[in-house]
Amino acid sequence: MLEARAEILTRIRAAHEHAYLPALDEPLERPPAPPPFAEPLADVFCRALLAVQGEVTRVGDGEAARDALLAELEKLGARRVLS
């Protein structure tokens, strides 16, 4: 079984050395930039979350987010959290 595998890999490596790639006269054009979002992604996410009966809590900074999360975990009676 290992001999067959080695033979297949040898053939693949040999083929890669001679693979045909056409030369380009000039560089390819860069794809167009995606259009800007019509609204902030946080608003889109919150609306989608509410659509599936999720609960949204908006806070101003990381410390407030930590406090809100801790309060929610205490409300749920969580004694241990893995992150």
Protein backbone atom coordinates (compact mmCIF):
# COMPACT_ATOMS: atom_id res chain seq x y z
CA MET A 1 0.00 0.00 0.00
CA LEU A 2 2.80 2.44 0.87
CA GLU A 3 4.58 1.65 -2.40
CA ALA A 4 1.47 2.57 -4.39
CA ARG A 5 1.13 5.81 -2.43
CA ALA A 6 4.77 6.69 -3.01
CA GLU A 7 4.41 5.98 -6.72
CA ILE A 8 1.32 8.20 -6.99
CA LEU A 9 3.03 11.05 -5.14
CA THR A 10 6.12 10.71 -7.35
CA ARG A 11 3.96 11.01 -10.47
CA ILE A 12 2.16 14.06 -9.07
CA ARG A 13 5.43 15.79 -8.19
CA ALA A 14 6.87 15.05 -11.63
CA ALA A 15 3.75 16.41 -13.33
CA HIS A 16 3.93 19.63 -11.31
CA GLU A 17 7.43 20.31 -12.62
CA HIS A 18 6.11 20.38 -16.19
CA ALA A 19 2.63 21.79 -15.63
CA TYR A 20 1.60 24.29 -18.28
CA LEU A 21 0.76 27.78 -17.13
CA PRO A 22 0.13 30.34 -19.87
CA ALA A 23 2.28 33.46 -19.82
CA LEU A 24 0.47 36.71 -19.17
CA ASP A 25 1.23 39.77 -21.27
CA GLU A 26 0.14 42.06 -18.47
CA PRO A 27 -1.00 41.65 -14.87
CA LEU A 28 -4.55 40.60 -14.20
CA GLU A 29 -7.00 43.31 -13.26
CA ARG A 30 -7.73 43.66 -9.59
CA PRO A 31 -11.30 42.63 -8.73
CA PRO A 32 -13.62 45.52 -7.88
CA ALA A 33 -13.92 46.57 -4.26
CA PRO A 34 -17.12 45.48 -2.56
CA PRO A 35 -19.71 48.21 -2.18
CA PRO A 36 -19.87 49.95 1.18
CA PHE A 37 -22.48 48.74 3.60
CA ALA A 38 -25.64 50.81 3.71
CA GLU A 39 -25.66 50.62 7.52
CA PRO A 40 -23.24 49.61 10.26
CA LEU A 41 -22.71 45.85 10.51
CA ALA A 42 -23.55 45.94 14.23
CA ASP A 43 -27.04 47.18 13.31
CA VAL A 44 -27.44 44.42 10.72
CA PHE A 45 -26.32 41.81 13.25
CA CYS A 46 -28.66 43.11 15.97
CA ARG A 47 -31.63 43.08 13.61
CA ALA A 48 -30.83 39.50 12.54
CA LEU A 49 -30.44 38.44 16.18
CA LEU A 50 -33.78 39.98 17.13
CA ALA A 51 -35.41 38.22 14.17
CA VAL A 52 -34.56 34.86 15.76
CA GLN A 53 -35.75 35.96 19.21
CA GLY A 54 -32.26 36.84 20.44
CA GLU A 55 -31.62 39.51 23.04
CA VAL A 56 -29.43 42.50 22.25
CA THR A 57 -27.48 44.43 24.86
CA ARG A 58 -25.47 47.36 23.58
CA VAL A 59 -22.65 48.78 25.66
CA GLY A 60 -20.10 51.53 25.19
CA ASP A 61 -16.79 49.79 25.72
CA GLY A 62 -15.01 46.56 26.64
CA GLU A 63 -15.34 47.06 30.38
CA ALA A 64 -19.08 47.65 30.09
CA ALA A 65 -19.35 44.53 27.91
CA ARG A 66 -17.53 42.52 30.59
CA ASP A 67 -19.84 43.83 33.29
CA ALA A 68 -22.97 43.11 31.21
CA LEU A 69 -21.77 39.58 30.48
CA LEU A 70 -20.97 38.91 34.14
CA ALA A 71 -24.41 40.19 35.17
CA GLU A 72 -26.09 37.92 32.62
CA LEU A 73 -24.08 34.90 33.77
CA GLU A 74 -24.95 35.60 37.41
CA LYS A 75 -28.63 35.86 36.45
CA LEU A 76 -28.36 32.42 34.84
CA GLY A 77 -26.63 31.01 37.91
CA ALA A 78 -23.43 30.14 36.09
CA ARG A 79 -20.65 29.14 38.46
CA ARG A 80 -18.03 28.36 35.86
CA VAL A 81 -17.36 29.70 32.36
CA LEU A 82 -14.91 28.31 29.82
CA SER A 83 -13.45 30.64 27.25
